[in-house]
PDB file of all heavy atoms in Angstrom:
ATOM      1  N   SER A   1      54.084 248.336  22.179  1.00  0.00           N
ATOM      2  CA  SER A   1      54.606 247.823  20.910  1.00  0.00           C
ATOM      3  C   SER A   1      53.767 248.328  19.745  1.00  0.00           C
ATOM      4  O   SER A   1      54.294 248.711  18.710  1.00  0.00           O
ATOM      5  CB  SER A   1      54.603 246.288  20.905  1.00  0.00           C
ATOM      6  OG  SER A   1      55.408 245.794  21.944  1.00  0.00           O
ATOM      7  N   LYS A   2      52.456 248.344  19.936  1.00  0.00           N
ATOM      8  CA  LYS A   2      51.562 248.790  18.870  1.00  0.00           C
ATOM      9  C   LYS A   2      51.788 250.267  18.561  1.00  0.00           C
ATOM     10  O   LYS A   2      51.826 250.664  17.393  1.00  0.00           O
ATOM     11  CB  LYS A   2      50.103 248.550  19.264  1.00  0.00           C
ATOM     12  CG  LYS A   2      49.121 248.974  18.171  1.00  0.00           C
ATOM     13  CD  LYS A   2      47.710 248.529  18.464  1.00  0.00           C
ATOM     14  CE  LYS A   2      46.780 248.968  17.330  1.00  0.00           C
ATOM     15  NZ  LYS A   2      45.412 248.483  17.511  1.00  0.00           N
ATOM     16  N   GLU A   3      51.950 251.078  19.609  1.00  0.00           N
ATOM     17  CA  GLU A   3      52.166 252.517  19.400  1.00  0.00           C
ATOM     18  C   GLU A   3      53.402 252.772  18.542  1.00  0.00           C
ATOM     19  O   GLU A   3      53.412 253.669  17.703  1.00  0.00           O
ATOM     20  CB  GLU A   3      52.301 253.229  20.746  1.00  0.00           C
ATOM     21  CG  GLU A   3      50.972 253.422  21.458  1.00  0.00           C
ATOM     22  CD  GLU A   3      51.139 254.086  22.807  1.00  0.00           C
ATOM     23  OE1 GLU A   3      52.181 254.746  23.015  1.00  0.00           O
ATOM     24  OE2 GLU A   3      50.236 253.950  23.646  1.00  0.00           O
ATOM     25  N   MET A   4      54.446 251.975  18.747  1.00  0.00           N
ATOM     26  CA  MET A   4      55.687 252.151  17.985  1.00  0.00           C
ATOM     27  C   MET A   4      55.492 251.804  16.508  1.00  0.00           C
ATOM     28  O   MET A   4      56.209 252.309  15.652  1.00  0.00           O
ATOM     29  CB  MET A   4      56.793 251.274  18.571  1.00  0.00           C
ATOM     30  CG  MET A   4      57.264 251.722  19.951  1.00  0.00           C
ATOM     31  SD  MET A   4      58.457 250.569  20.638  1.00  0.00           S
ATOM     32  CE  MET A   4      59.782 250.694  19.458  1.00  0.00           C
ATOM     33  N   LEU A   5      54.530 250.924  16.209  1.00  0.00           N
ATOM     34  CA  LEU A   5      54.349 250.452  14.835  1.00  0.00           C
ATOM     35  C   LEU A   5      53.197 251.135  14.094  1.00  0.00           C
ATOM     36  O   LEU A   5      53.012 250.897  12.907  1.00  0.00           O
ATOM     37  CB  LEU A   5      54.115 248.936  14.843  1.00  0.00           C
ATOM     38  CG  LEU A   5      55.326 248.091  15.237  1.00  0.00           C
ATOM     39  CD1 LEU A   5      54.920 246.633  15.394  1.00  0.00           C
ATOM     40  CD2 LEU A   5      56.450 248.222  14.222  1.00  0.00           C
ATOM     41  N   VAL A   6      52.442 251.979  14.786  1.00  0.00           N
ATOM     42  CA  VAL A   6      51.337 252.679  14.130  1.00  0.00           C
ATOM     43  C   VAL A   6      51.893 253.576  13.028  1.00  0.00           C
ATOM     44  O   VAL A   6      52.901 254.271  13.207  1.00  0.00           O
ATOM     45  CB  VAL A   6      50.534 253.519  15.143  1.00  0.00           C
ATOM     46  CG1 VAL A   6      49.596 254.489  14.430  1.00  0.00           C
ATOM     47  CG2 VAL A   6      49.732 252.607  16.059  1.00  0.00           C
ATOM     48  N   GLY A   7      51.266 253.514  11.866  1.00  0.00           N
ATOM     49  CA  GLY A   7      51.729 254.317  10.737  1.00  0.00           C
ATOM     50  C   GLY A   7      50.583 255.055  10.086  1.00  0.00           C
ATOM     51  O   GLY A   7      49.482 255.146  10.635  1.00  0.00           O
ATOM     52  N   SER A   8      50.827 255.570   8.902  1.00  0.00           N
ATOM     53  CA  SER A   8      49.792 256.282   8.156  1.00  0.00           C
ATOM     54  C   SER A   8      50.091 256.151   6.668  1.00  0.00           C
ATOM     55  O   SER A   8      51.183 255.738   6.276  1.00  0.00           O
ATOM     56  CB  SER A   8      49.759 257.765   8.559  1.00  0.00           C
ATOM     57  OG  SER A   8      51.004 258.382   8.258  1.00  0.00           O
ATOM     58  N   GLY A   9      49.123 256.513   5.859  1.00  0.00           N
ATOM     59  CA  GLY A   9      49.305 256.434   4.418  1.00  0.00           C
ATOM     60  C   GLY A   9      48.451 255.346   3.801  1.00  0.00           C
ATOM     61  O   GLY A   9      47.792 254.572   4.499  1.00  0.00           O
ATOM     62  N   THR A  10      48.478 255.284   2.489  1.00  0.00           N
ATOM     63  CA  THR A  10      47.671 254.321   1.735  1.00  0.00           C
ATOM     64  C   THR A  10      48.529 253.159   1.255  1.00  0.00           C
ATOM     65  O   THR A  10      49.576 253.367   0.648  1.00  0.00           O
ATOM     66  CB  THR A  10      47.009 255.005   0.521  1.00  0.00           C
ATOM     67  OG1 THR A  10      46.118 256.019   1.000  1.00  0.00           O
ATOM     68  CG2 THR A  10      46.226 254.008  -0.316  1.00  0.00           C
ATOM     69  N   ILE A  11      48.082 251.955   1.545  1.00  0.00           N
ATOM     70  CA  ILE A  11      48.776 250.734   1.129  1.00  0.00           C
ATOM     71  C   ILE A  11      47.894 249.989   0.137  1.00  0.00           C
ATOM     72  O   ILE A  11      46.733 249.695   0.426  1.00  0.00           O
ATOM     73  CB  ILE A  11      49.067 249.802   2.336  1.00  0.00           C
ATOM     74  CG1 ILE A  11      49.693 250.574   3.503  1.00  0.00           C
ATOM     75  CG2 ILE A  11      49.956 248.640   1.892  1.00  0.00           C
ATOM     76  CD1 ILE A  11      51.037 251.179   3.222  1.00  0.00           C
ATOM     77  N   LEU A  12      48.433 249.705  -1.050  1.00  0.00           N
ATOM     78  CA  LEU A  12      47.721 248.880  -2.023  1.00  0.00           C
ATOM     79  C   LEU A  12      48.126 247.430  -1.837  1.00  0.00           C
ATOM     80  O   LEU A  12      49.327 247.124  -1.756  1.00  0.00           O
ATOM     81  CB  LEU A  12      48.042 249.329  -3.458  1.00  0.00           C
ATOM     82  CG  LEU A  12      47.785 250.797  -3.817  1.00  0.00           C
ATOM     83  CD1 LEU A  12      47.991 250.998  -5.320  1.00  0.00           C
ATOM     84  CD2 LEU A  12      46.413 251.265  -3.401  1.00  0.00           C
ATOM     85  N   VAL A  13      47.162 246.546  -1.747  1.00  0.00           N
ATOM     86  CA  VAL A  13      47.428 245.130  -1.490  1.00  0.00           C
ATOM     87  C   VAL A  13      46.801 244.276  -2.581  1.00  0.00           C
ATOM     88  O   VAL A  13      45.610 244.418  -2.879  1.00  0.00           O
ATOM     89  CB  VAL A  13      46.853 244.697  -0.118  1.00  0.00           C
ATOM     90  CG1 VAL A  13      47.052 243.197   0.087  1.00  0.00           C
ATOM     91  CG2 VAL A  13      47.489 245.489   1.015  1.00  0.00           C
ATOM     92  N   ALA A  14      47.594 243.392  -3.196  1.00  0.00           N
ATOM     93  CA  ALA A  14      47.067 242.423  -4.163  1.00  0.00           C
ATOM     94  C   ALA A  14      47.328 241.017  -3.628  1.00  0.00           C
ATOM     95  O   ALA A  14      48.477 240.616  -3.444  1.00  0.00           O
ATOM     96  CB  ALA A  14      47.714 242.599  -5.530  1.00  0.00           C
ATOM     97  N   GLU A  15      46.262 240.280  -3.369  1.00  0.00           N
ATOM     98  CA  GLU A  15      46.341 238.915  -2.831  1.00  0.00           C
ATOM     99  C   GLU A  15      45.097 238.175  -3.307  1.00  0.00           C
ATOM    100  O   GLU A  15      43.974 238.645  -3.110  1.00  0.00           O
ATOM    101  CB  GLU A  15      46.397 238.959  -1.305  1.00  0.00           C
ATOM    102  CG  GLU A  15      46.100 237.659  -0.597  1.00  0.00           C
ATOM    103  CD  GLU A  15      47.066 236.543  -0.927  1.00  0.00           C
ATOM    104  OE1 GLU A  15      48.263 236.668  -0.623  1.00  0.00           O
ATOM    105  OE2 GLU A  15      46.611 235.525  -1.510  1.00  0.00           O
ATOM    106  N   ASP A  16      45.281 237.034  -3.976  1.00  0.00           N
ATOM    107  CA  ASP A  16      44.130 236.354  -4.570  1.00  0.00           C
ATOM    108  C   ASP A  16      43.326 235.527  -3.574  1.00  0.00           C
ATOM    109  O   ASP A  16      42.143 235.280  -3.793  1.00  0.00           O
ATOM    110  CB  ASP A  16      44.570 235.476  -5.749  1.00  0.00           C
ATOM    111  CG  ASP A  16      45.524 234.374  -5.326  1.00  0.00           C
ATOM    112  OD1 ASP A  16      46.488 234.654  -4.598  1.00  0.00           O
ATOM    113  OD2 ASP A  16      45.311 233.220  -5.736  1.00  0.00           O
ATOM    114  N   GLU A  17      43.923 235.091  -2.473  1.00  0.00           N
ATOM    115  CA  GLU A  17      43.174 234.302  -1.496  1.00  0.00           C
ATOM    116  C   GLU A  17      42.420 235.246  -0.566  1.00  0.00           C
ATOM    117  O   GLU A  17      43.016 236.017   0.195  1.00  0.00           O
ATOM    118  CB  GLU A  17      44.109 233.387  -0.714  1.00  0.00           C
ATOM    119  CG  GLU A  17      44.711 232.287  -1.593  1.00  0.00           C
ATOM    120  CD  GLU A  17      45.342 231.181  -0.781  1.00  0.00           C
ATOM    121  OE1 GLU A  17      44.709 230.721   0.192  1.00  0.00           O
ATOM    122  OE2 GLU A  17      46.458 230.788  -1.118  1.00  0.00           O
ATOM    123  N   ALA A  18      41.100 235.178  -0.621  1.00  0.00           N
ATOM    124  CA  ALA A  18      40.248 236.133   0.095  1.00  0.00           C
ATOM    125  C   ALA A  18      40.529 236.172   1.587  1.00  0.00           C
ATOM    126  O   ALA A  18      40.588 237.244   2.194  1.00  0.00           O
ATOM    127  CB  ALA A  18      38.775 235.808  -0.151  1.00  0.00           C
ATOM    128  N   ILE A  19      40.738 235.016   2.213  1.00  0.00           N
ATOM    129  CA  ILE A  19      40.929 234.984   3.662  1.00  0.00           C
ATOM    130  C   ILE A  19      42.225 235.695   4.065  1.00  0.00           C
ATOM    131  O   ILE A  19      42.269 236.419   5.052  1.00  0.00           O
ATOM    132  CB  ILE A  19      40.902 233.524   4.196  1.00  0.00           C
ATOM    133  CG1 ILE A  19      40.804 233.531   5.716  1.00  0.00           C
ATOM    134  CG2 ILE A  19      42.113 232.725   3.724  1.00  0.00           C
ATOM    135  CD1 ILE A  19      40.468 232.168   6.293  1.00  0.00           C
ATOM    136  N   ILE A  20      43.282 235.534   3.257  1.00  0.00           N
ATOM    137  CA  ILE A  20      44.544 236.215   3.553  1.00  0.00           C
ATOM    138  C   ILE A  20      44.408 237.704   3.264  1.00  0.00           C
ATOM    139  O   ILE A  20      44.897 238.544   4.034  1.00  0.00           O
ATOM    140  CB  ILE A  20      45.699 235.617   2.727  1.00  0.00           C
ATOM    141  CG1 ILE A  20      45.865 234.128   3.048  1.00  0.00           C
ATOM    142  CG2 ILE A  20      47.005 236.367   3.010  1.00  0.00           C
ATOM    143  CD1 ILE A  20      46.964 233.442   2.280  1.00  0.00           C
ATOM    144  N   ARG A  21      43.736 238.030   2.171  1.00  0.00           N
ATOM    145  CA  ARG A  21      43.531 239.437   1.799  1.00  0.00           C
ATOM    146  C   ARG A  21      42.792 240.185   2.909  1.00  0.00           C
ATOM    147  O   ARG A  21      43.166 241.294   3.298  1.00  0.00           O
ATOM    148  CB  ARG A  21      42.753 239.505   0.488  1.00  0.00           C
ATOM    149  CG  ARG A  21      42.643 240.898  -0.102  1.00  0.00           C
ATOM    150  CD  ARG A  21      42.107 240.854  -1.522  1.00  0.00           C
ATOM    151  NE  ARG A  21      40.758 240.320  -1.629  1.00  0.00           N
ATOM    152  CZ  ARG A  21      40.458 239.179  -2.247  1.00  0.00           C
ATOM    153  NH1 ARG A  21      41.387 238.448  -2.829  1.00  0.00           N
ATOM    154  NH2 ARG A  21      39.200 238.754  -2.305  1.00  0.00           N
ATOM    155  N   GLU A  22      41.757 239.567   3.441  1.00  0.00           N
ATOM    156  CA  GLU A  22      40.966 240.203   4.502  1.00  0.00           C
ATOM    157  C   GLU A  22      41.789 240.343   5.788  1.00  0.00           C
ATOM    158  O   GLU A  22      41.684 241.352   6.495  1.00  0.00           O
ATOM    159  CB  GLU A  22      39.702 239.393   4.766  1.00  0.00           C
ATOM    160  CG  GLU A  22      38.692 239.498   3.624  1.00  0.00           C
ATOM    161  CD  GLU A  22      37.593 238.457   3.719  1.00  0.00           C
ATOM    162  OE1 GLU A  22      37.484 237.805   4.784  1.00  0.00           O
ATOM    163  OE2 GLU A  22      36.847 238.281   2.737  1.00  0.00           O
ATOM    164  N   LEU A  23      42.605 239.339   6.085  1.00  0.00           N
ATOM    165  CA  LEU A  23      43.461 239.418   7.271  1.00  0.00           C
ATOM    166  C   LEU A  23      44.467 240.561   7.154  1.00  0.00           C
ATOM    167  O   LEU A  23      44.659 241.340   8.096  1.00  0.00           O
ATOM    168  CB  LEU A  23      44.208 238.095   7.472  1.00  0.00           C
ATOM    169  CG  LEU A  23      43.434 236.968   8.148  1.00  0.00           C
ATOM    170  CD1 LEU A  23      44.213 235.669   8.048  1.00  0.00           C
ATOM    171  CD2 LEU A  23      43.143 237.297   9.599  1.00  0.00           C
ATOM    172  N   ILE A  24      45.104 240.661   5.998  1.00  0.00           N
ATOM    173  CA  ILE A  24      46.082 241.729   5.772  1.00  0.00           C
ATOM    174  C   ILE A  24      45.412 243.093   5.903  1.00  0.00           C
ATOM    175  O   ILE A  24      45.956 244.011   6.538  1.00  0.00           O
ATOM    176  CB  ILE A  24      46.739 241.575   4.386  1.00  0.00           C
ATOM    177  CG1 ILE A  24      47.637 240.336   4.375  1.00  0.00           C
ATOM    178  CG2 ILE A  24      47.559 242.822   4.025  1.00  0.00           C
ATOM    179  CD1 ILE A  24      48.151 239.958   3.000  1.00  0.00           C
ATOM    180  N   GLU A  25      44.226 243.215   5.319  1.00  0.00           N
ATOM    181  CA  GLU A  25      43.496 244.484   5.391  1.00  0.00           C
ATOM    182  C   GLU A  25      43.200 244.866   6.843  1.00  0.00           C
ATOM    183  O   GLU A  25      43.445 246.000   7.272  1.00  0.00           O
ATOM    184  CB  GLU A  25      42.194 244.384   4.603  1.00  0.00           C
ATOM    185  CG  GLU A  25      41.405 245.681   4.568  1.00  0.00           C
ATOM    186  CD  GLU A  25      40.156 245.586   3.707  1.00  0.00           C
ATOM    187  OE1 GLU A  25      39.711 244.453   3.424  1.00  0.00           O
ATOM    188  OE2 GLU A  25      39.632 246.645   3.325  1.00  0.00           O
ATOM    189  N   ARG A  26      42.699 243.915   7.617  1.00  0.00           N
ATOM    190  CA  ARG A  26      42.361 244.196   9.018  1.00  0.00           C
ATOM    191  C   ARG A  26      43.605 244.532   9.840  1.00  0.00           C
ATOM    192  O   ARG A  26      43.584 245.441  10.663  1.00  0.00           O
ATOM    193  CB  ARG A  26      41.662 242.982   9.634  1.00  0.00           C
ATOM    194  CG  ARG A  26      40.246 242.775   9.123  1.00  0.00           C
ATOM    195  CD  ARG A  26      39.614 241.581   9.798  1.00  0.00           C
ATOM    196  NE  ARG A  26      38.347 241.240   9.184  1.00  0.00           N
ATOM    197  CZ  ARG A  26      37.621 240.185   9.539  1.00  0.00           C
ATOM    198  NH1 ARG A  26      38.059 239.379  10.485  1.00  0.00           N
ATOM    199  NH2 ARG A  26      36.474 239.931   8.953  1.00  0.00           N
ATOM    200  N   ILE A  27      44.672 243.782   9.608  1.00  0.00           N
ATOM    201  CA  ILE A  27      45.906 244.017  10.365  1.00  0.00           C
ATOM    202  C   ILE A  27      46.425 245.426  10.112  1.00  0.00           C
ATOM    203  O   ILE A  27      46.706 246.184  11.046  1.00  0.00           O
ATOM    204  CB  ILE A  27      46.977 242.971   9.992  1.00  0.00           C
ATOM    205  CG1 ILE A  27      46.580 241.577  10.515  1.00  0.00           C
ATOM    206  CG2 ILE A  27      48.343 243.371  10.565  1.00  0.00           C
ATOM    207  CD1 ILE A  27      47.379 240.448   9.901  1.00  0.00           C
ATOM    208  N   LEU A  28      46.563 245.790   8.839  1.00  0.00           N
ATOM    209  CA  LEU A  28      47.129 247.099   8.505  1.00  0.00           C
ATOM    210  C   LEU A  28      46.195 248.244   8.909  1.00  0.00           C
ATOM    211  O   LEU A  28      46.658 249.290   9.375  1.00  0.00           O
ATOM    212  CB  LEU A  28      47.455 247.165   7.018  1.00  0.00           C
ATOM    213  CG  LEU A  28      48.592 246.244   6.545  1.00  0.00           C
ATOM    214  CD1 LEU A  28      48.792 246.365   5.038  1.00  0.00           C
ATOM    215  CD2 LEU A  28      49.892 246.549   7.282  1.00  0.00           C
ATOM    216  N   GLN A  29      44.902 248.051   8.744  1.00  0.00           N
ATOM    217  CA  GLN A  29      43.955 249.078   9.194  1.00  0.00           C
ATOM    218  C   GLN A  29      44.054 249.277  10.707  1.00  0.00           C
ATOM    219  O   GLN A  29      43.938 250.399  11.203  1.00  0.00           O
ATOM    220  CB  GLN A  29      42.530 248.700   8.804  1.00  0.00           C
ATOM    221  CG  GLN A  29      42.228 248.896   7.327  1.00  0.00           C
ATOM    222  CD  GLN A  29      40.813 248.483   6.958  1.00  0.00           C
ATOM    223  OE1 GLN A  29      40.150 247.746   7.694  1.00  0.00           O
ATOM    224  NE2 GLN A  29      40.347 248.940   5.808  1.00  0.00           N
ATOM    225  N   GLY A  30      44.277 248.190  11.416  1.00  0.00           N
ATOM    226  CA  GLY A  30      44.409 248.267  12.869  1.00  0.00           C
ATOM    227  C   GLY A  30      45.619 249.065  13.324  1.00  0.00           C
ATOM    228  O   GLY A  30      45.670 249.514  14.467  1.00  0.00           O
ATOM    229  N   TYR A  31      46.576 249.243  12.425  1.00  0.00           N
ATOM    230  CA  TYR A  31      47.774 250.018  12.753  1.00  0.00           C
ATOM    231  C   TYR A  31      47.781 251.381  12.054  1.00  0.00           C
ATOM    232  O   TYR A  31      48.825 252.005  11.932  1.00  0.00           O
ATOM    233  CB  TYR A  31      49.029 249.221  12.399  1.00  0.00           C
ATOM    234  CG  TYR A  31      49.366 248.187  13.444  1.00  0.00           C
ATOM    235  CD1 TYR A  31      48.744 246.947  13.443  1.00  0.00           C
ATOM    236  CD2 TYR A  31      50.288 248.456  14.462  1.00  0.00           C
ATOM    237  CE1 TYR A  31      49.021 245.997  14.412  1.00  0.00           C
ATOM    238  CE2 TYR A  31      50.576 247.516  15.428  1.00  0.00           C
ATOM    239  CZ  TYR A  31      49.940 246.290  15.408  1.00  0.00           C
ATOM    240  OH  TYR A  31      50.218 245.360  16.368  1.00  0.00           O
ATOM    241  N   GLY A  32      46.618 251.827  11.600  1.00  0.00           N
ATOM    242  CA  GLY A  32      46.491 253.195  11.131  1.00  0.00           C
ATOM    243  C   GLY A  32      46.554 253.423   9.634  1.00  0.00           C
ATOM    244  O   GLY A  32      46.452 254.563   9.173  1.00  0.00           O
ATOM    245  N   TYR A  33      46.717 252.367   8.849  1.00  0.00           N
ATOM    246  CA  TYR A  33      46.858 252.541   7.403  1.00  0.00           C
ATOM    247  C   TYR A  33      45.509 252.514   6.681  1.00  0.00           C
ATOM    248  O   TYR A  33      44.588 251.816   7.104  1.00  0.00           O
ATOM    249  CB  TYR A  33      47.762 251.454   6.818  1.00  0.00           C
ATOM    250  CG  TYR A  33      49.182 251.511   7.315  1.00  0.00           C
ATOM    251  CD1 TYR A  33      49.607 250.681   8.360  1.00  0.00           C
ATOM    252  CD2 TYR A  33      50.091 252.405   6.765  1.00  0.00           C
ATOM    253  CE1 TYR A  33      50.908 250.744   8.832  1.00  0.00           C
ATOM    254  CE2 TYR A  33      51.400 252.470   7.236  1.00  0.00           C
ATOM    255  CZ  TYR A  33      51.802 251.634   8.273  1.00  0.00           C
ATOM    256  OH  TYR A  33      53.083 251.712   8.748  1.00  0.00           O
ATOM    257  N   ASN A  34      45.435 253.251   5.594  1.00  0.00           N
ATOM    258  CA  ASN A  34      44.315 253.154   4.669  1.00  0.00           C
ATOM    259  C   ASN A  34      44.681 252.052   3.677  1.00  0.00           C
ATOM    260  O   ASN A  34      45.734 252.118   3.041  1.00  0.00           O
ATOM    261  CB  ASN A  34      44.107 254.495   3.954  1.00  0.00           C
ATOM    262  CG  ASN A  34      43.049 254.401   2.875  1.00  0.00           C
ATOM    263  OD1 ASN A  34      42.006 253.783   3.071  1.00  0.00           O
ATOM    264  ND2 ASN A  34      43.323 254.998   1.721  1.00  0.00           N
ATOM    265  N   VAL A  35      43.854 251.039   3.553  1.00  0.00           N
ATOM    266  CA  VAL A  35      44.203 249.861   2.751  1.00  0.00           C
ATOM    267  C   VAL A  35      43.204 249.685   1.607  1.00  0.00           C
ATOM    268  O   VAL A  35      41.993 249.705   1.815  1.00  0.00           O
ATOM    269  CB  VAL A  35      44.216 248.583   3.618  1.00  0.00           C
ATOM    270  CG1 VAL A  35      44.677 247.382   2.796  1.00  0.00           C
ATOM    271  CG2 VAL A  35      45.118 248.774   4.833  1.00  0.00           C
ATOM    272  N   ILE A  36      43.736 249.525   0.399  1.00  0.00           N
ATOM    273  CA  ILE A  36      42.906 249.246  -0.774  1.00  0.00           C
ATOM    274  C   ILE A  36      43.339 247.891  -1.329  1.00  0.00           C
ATOM    275  O   ILE A  36      44.518 247.691  -1.629  1.00  0.00           O
ATOM    276  CB  ILE A  36      43.056 250.340  -1.848  1.00  0.00           C
ATOM    277  CG1 ILE A  36      42.698 251.711  -1.249  1.00  0.00           C
ATOM    278  CG2 ILE A  36      42.174 250.034  -3.056  1.00  0.00           C
ATOM    279  CD1 ILE A  36      42.974 252.877  -2.175  1.00  0.00           C
ATOM    280  N   CYS A  37      42.389 246.966  -1.459  1.00  0.00           N
ATOM    281  CA  CYS A  37      42.728 245.588  -1.830  1.00  0.00           C
ATOM    282  C   CYS A  37      42.260 245.210  -3.236  1.00  0.00           C
ATOM    283  O   CYS A  37      41.240 245.709  -3.724  1.00  0.00           O
ATOM    284  CB  CYS A  37      42.114 244.619  -0.818  1.00  0.00           C
ATOM    285  SG  CYS A  37      42.857 244.705   0.819  1.00  0.00           S
ATOM    286  N   TYR A  38      43.025 244.296  -3.838  1.00  0.00           N
ATOM    287  CA  TYR A  38      42.720 243.764  -5.172  1.00  0.00           C
ATOM    288  C   TYR A  38      42.971 242.259  -5.138  1.00  0.00           C
ATOM    289  O   TYR A  38      43.782 241.780  -4.341  1.00  0.00           O
ATOM    290  CB  TYR A  38      43.621 244.404  -6.233  1.00  0.00           C
ATOM    291  CG  TYR A  38      43.626 245.921  -6.197  1.00  0.00           C
ATOM    292  CD1 TYR A  38      44.476 246.594  -5.322  1.00  0.00           C
ATOM    293  CD2 TYR A  38      42.788 246.667  -7.019  1.00  0.00           C
ATOM    294  CE1 TYR A  38      44.480 247.989  -5.260  1.00  0.00           C
ATOM    295  CE2 TYR A  38      42.794 248.049  -6.978  1.00  0.00           C
ATOM    296  CZ  TYR A  38      43.648 248.705  -6.095  1.00  0.00           C
ATOM    297  OH  TYR A  38      43.650 250.077  -6.041  1.00  0.00           O
ATOM    298  N   ASP A  39      42.300 241.525  -6.036  1.00  0.00           N
ATOM    299  CA  ASP A  39      42.495 240.068  -6.010  1.00  0.00           C
ATOM    300  C   ASP A  39      43.521 239.571  -7.023  1.00  0.00           C
ATOM    301  O   ASP A  39      43.726 238.368  -7.163  1.00  0.00           O
ATOM    302  CB  ASP A  39      41.162 239.324  -6.179  1.00  0.00           C
ATOM    303  CG  ASP A  39      40.463 239.652  -7.491  1.00  0.00           C
ATOM    304  OD1 ASP A  39      41.074 240.339  -8.351  1.00  0.00           O
ATOM    305  OD2 ASP A  39      39.302 239.231  -7.663  1.00  0.00           O
ATOM    306  N   ASN A  40      44.168 240.494  -7.744  1.00  0.00           N
ATOM    307  CA  ASN A  40      45.261 240.100  -8.631  1.00  0.00           C
ATOM    308  C   ASN A  40      46.102 241.327  -8.983  1.00  0.00           C
ATOM    309  O   ASN A  40      45.671 242.474  -8.804  1.00  0.00           O
ATOM    310  CB  ASN A  40      44.732 239.413  -9.896  1.00  0.00           C
ATOM    311  CG  ASN A  40      43.892 240.334 -10.756  1.00  0.00           C
ATOM    312  OD1 ASN A  40      44.433 241.192 -11.465  1.00  0.00           O
ATOM    313  ND2 ASN A  40      42.573 240.189 -10.692  1.00  0.00           N
ATOM    314  N   GLY A  41      47.295 241.102  -9.489  1.00  0.00           N
ATOM    315  CA  GLY A  41      48.218 242.184  -9.796  1.00  0.00           C
ATOM    316  C   GLY A  41      47.742 243.084 -10.922  1.00  0.00           C
ATOM    317  O   GLY A  41      48.005 244.294 -10.912  1.00  0.00           O
ATOM    318  N   GLU A  42      47.040 242.512 -11.876  1.00  0.00           N
ATOM    319  CA  GLU A  42      46.561 243.299 -13.013  1.00  0.00           C
ATOM    320  C   GLU A  42      45.572 244.380 -12.550  1.00  0.00           C
ATOM    321  O   GLU A  42      45.641 245.534 -12.983  1.00  0.00           O
ATOM    322  CB  GLU A  42      45.895 242.383 -14.033  1.00  0.00           C
ATOM    323  CG  GLU A  42      45.445 243.096 -15.296  1.00  0.00           C
ATOM    324  CD  GLU A  42      44.842 242.121 -16.292  1.00  0.00           C
ATOM    325  OE1 GLU A  42      43.614 241.873 -16.206  1.00  0.00           O
ATOM    326  OE2 GLU A  42      45.582 241.600 -17.138  1.00  0.00           O
ATOM    327  N   ALA A  43      44.654 244.002 -11.661  1.00  0.00           N
ATOM    328  CA  ALA A  43      43.671 244.956 -11.152  1.00  0.00           C
ATOM    329  C   ALA A  43      44.362 246.084 -10.382  1.00  0.00           C
ATOM    330  O   ALA A  43      44.001 247.254 -10.516  1.00  0.00           O
ATOM    331  CB  ALA A  43      42.662 244.241 -10.253  1.00  0.00           C
ATOM    332  N   LEU A  44      45.363 245.725  -9.571  1.00  0.00           N
ATOM    333  CA  LEU A  44      46.104 246.754  -8.832  1.00  0.00           C
ATOM    334  C   LEU A  44      46.841 247.681  -9.792  1.00  0.00           C
ATOM    335  O   LEU A  44      46.799 248.909  -9.642  1.00  0.00           O
ATOM    336  CB  LEU A  44      47.083 246.098  -7.857  1.00  0.00           C
ATOM    337  CG  LEU A  44      47.853 247.034  -6.921  1.00  0.00           C
ATOM    338  CD1 LEU A  44      48.165 246.346  -5.602  1.00  0.00           C
ATOM    339  CD2 LEU A  44      49.152 247.542  -7.555  1.00  0.00           C
TER     340      LEU A  44
END
């Protein structure tokens, strides 16, 4: 299942709750994506 969902590319993520932001980053990185995170939409 993981092999089918592995991807590539850069994903920008804006999420103000640190625990959710870190989870999203780890999840997407685990499937091959380069992830750049921000804590609000303005920063992104």
